[in-house]
Amino acid sequence: MTQLVFIENSHVVTDSLTVADSFGKSHEVRRDIRHLECSKKFPLSNF
């Protein structure tokens, strides 16, 4: 089983390759994050 999250500098993090692989998606996660329908602040603090 692949580890989905990691601890870095006391923060729980993951990376876009892990997310894409875990959900069986192509690695276009960064593009998809840019196209989320949410406030501009949300992606900055969550991705």
N, C-alpha and C. Protein backbone atom coordinates (compact mmCIF):
# COMPACT_ATOMS: atom_id res chain seq x y z
N MET A 1 0.84 -1.18 0.00
CA MET A 1 0.00 0.00 0.00
C MET A 1 0.89 1.25 0.00
N THR A 2 0.57 2.20 -0.82
CA THR A 2 1.31 3.44 -0.93
C THR A 2 0.92 4.38 0.20
N GLN A 3 1.91 5.03 0.79
CA GLN A 3 1.63 6.02 1.82
C GLN A 3 1.07 7.26 1.13
N LEU A 4 -0.12 7.69 1.55
CA LEU A 4 -0.79 8.81 0.90
C LEU A 4 -0.38 10.16 1.45
N VAL A 5 -0.05 10.23 2.72
CA VAL A 5 0.34 11.50 3.33
C VAL A 5 1.66 11.33 4.06
N PHE A 6 2.35 12.43 4.24
CA PHE A 6 3.65 12.45 4.89
C PHE A 6 3.69 13.61 5.88
N ILE A 7 4.57 13.54 6.83
CA ILE A 7 4.79 14.64 7.77
C ILE A 7 6.05 15.38 7.34
N GLU A 8 5.90 16.67 7.06
CA GLU A 8 7.04 17.52 6.73
C GLU A 8 6.93 18.81 7.52
N ASN A 9 7.95 19.10 8.30
CA ASN A 9 7.96 20.32 9.12
C ASN A 9 6.68 20.45 9.95
N SER A 10 6.28 19.36 10.56
CA SER A 10 5.10 19.30 11.43
C SER A 10 3.78 19.52 10.68
N HIS A 11 3.78 19.37 9.35
CA HIS A 11 2.55 19.50 8.56
C HIS A 11 2.28 18.18 7.84
N VAL A 12 1.01 17.83 7.75
CA VAL A 12 0.60 16.66 6.98
C VAL A 12 0.49 17.10 5.52
N VAL A 13 1.22 16.44 4.63
CA VAL A 13 1.24 16.82 3.22
C VAL A 13 1.13 15.59 2.33
N THR A 14 0.85 15.82 1.06
CA THR A 14 0.90 14.79 0.04
C THR A 14 1.44 15.47 -1.22
N ASP A 15 1.52 14.74 -2.31
CA ASP A 15 1.97 15.36 -3.55
C ASP A 15 1.02 14.96 -4.68
N SER A 16 1.08 15.70 -5.76
CA SER A 16 0.12 15.51 -6.85
C SER A 16 0.27 14.15 -7.54
N LEU A 17 1.47 13.62 -7.60
CA LEU A 17 1.66 12.29 -8.21
C LEU A 17 0.96 11.22 -7.38
N THR A 18 1.07 11.32 -6.07
CA THR A 18 0.41 10.36 -5.17
C THR A 18 -1.10 10.46 -5.29
N VAL A 19 -1.62 11.67 -5.33
CA VAL A 19 -3.07 11.87 -5.47
C VAL A 19 -3.57 11.27 -6.78
N ALA A 20 -2.90 11.59 -7.87
CA ALA A 20 -3.31 11.07 -9.18
C ALA A 20 -3.29 9.55 -9.21
N ASP A 21 -2.22 8.97 -8.71
CA ASP A 21 -2.08 7.51 -8.70
C ASP A 21 -3.15 6.86 -7.83
N SER A 22 -3.42 7.43 -6.67
CA SER A 22 -4.39 6.86 -5.72
C SER A 22 -5.80 6.84 -6.27
N PHE A 23 -6.13 7.82 -7.11
CA PHE A 23 -7.47 7.90 -7.66
C PHE A 23 -7.55 7.40 -9.10
N GLY A 24 -6.44 6.82 -9.59
CA GLY A 24 -6.45 6.27 -10.94
C GLY A 24 -6.62 7.34 -12.01
N LYS A 25 -6.08 8.51 -11.76
CA LYS A 25 -6.21 9.63 -12.70
C LYS A 25 -4.87 9.93 -13.34
N SER A 26 -4.93 10.61 -14.47
CA SER A 26 -3.69 11.08 -15.08
C SER A 26 -3.15 12.22 -14.22
N HIS A 27 -1.87 12.49 -14.36
CA HIS A 27 -1.24 13.51 -13.53
C HIS A 27 -1.48 14.90 -14.10
N GLU A 28 -2.70 15.33 -13.99
CA GLU A 28 -3.08 16.68 -14.40
C GLU A 28 -3.71 17.40 -13.22
N VAL A 29 -3.28 16.98 -12.04
CA VAL A 29 -3.86 17.49 -10.81
C VAL A 29 -3.67 19.00 -10.68
N ARG A 30 -2.48 19.49 -11.00
CA ARG A 30 -2.24 20.94 -10.88
C ARG A 30 -3.18 21.73 -11.78
N ARG A 31 -3.38 21.25 -13.00
CA ARG A 31 -4.32 21.93 -13.90
C ARG A 31 -5.72 21.90 -13.31
N ASP A 32 -6.11 20.75 -12.78
CA ASP A 32 -7.45 20.61 -12.22
C ASP A 32 -7.64 21.51 -11.00
N ILE A 33 -6.62 21.65 -10.17
CA ILE A 33 -6.71 22.53 -9.01
C ILE A 33 -6.92 23.97 -9.47
N ARG A 34 -6.23 24.39 -10.53
CA ARG A 34 -6.39 25.75 -11.04
C ARG A 34 -7.81 26.00 -11.52
N HIS A 35 -8.52 24.94 -11.93
CA HIS A 35 -9.87 25.10 -12.47
C HIS A 35 -10.98 24.80 -11.46
N LEU A 36 -10.63 24.65 -10.19
CA LEU A 36 -11.65 24.44 -9.17
C LEU A 36 -12.55 25.66 -9.07
N GLU A 37 -13.81 25.41 -8.80
CA GLU A 37 -14.76 26.51 -8.59
C GLU A 37 -14.79 26.82 -7.09
N CYS A 38 -13.85 27.67 -6.68
CA CYS A 38 -13.74 28.05 -5.28
C CYS A 38 -13.06 29.41 -5.21
N SER A 39 -12.94 29.93 -4.01
CA SER A 39 -12.26 31.22 -3.86
C SER A 39 -10.79 31.07 -4.25
N LYS A 40 -10.18 32.18 -4.62
CA LYS A 40 -8.76 32.15 -5.00
C LYS A 40 -7.88 31.81 -3.81
N LYS A 41 -8.33 32.11 -2.62
CA LYS A 41 -7.56 31.84 -1.40
C LYS A 41 -7.53 30.35 -1.05
N PHE A 42 -8.59 29.62 -1.34
CA PHE A 42 -8.69 28.22 -0.95
C PHE A 42 -7.54 27.37 -1.49
N PRO A 43 -7.24 27.38 -2.80
CA PRO A 43 -6.13 26.56 -3.29
C PRO A 43 -4.79 26.97 -2.71
N LEU A 44 -4.60 28.24 -2.43
CA LEU A 44 -3.32 28.69 -1.89
C LEU A 44 -3.06 28.11 -0.52
N SER A 45 -4.08 27.97 0.27
CA SER A 45 -3.89 27.46 1.63
C SER A 45 -4.10 25.96 1.75
N ASN A 46 -4.59 25.31 0.70
CA ASN A 46 -4.89 23.88 0.80
C ASN A 46 -4.12 22.98 -0.17
N PHE A 47 -3.44 23.56 -1.14
CA PHE A 47 -2.71 22.74 -2.10
C PHE A 47 -1.29 23.23 -2.25
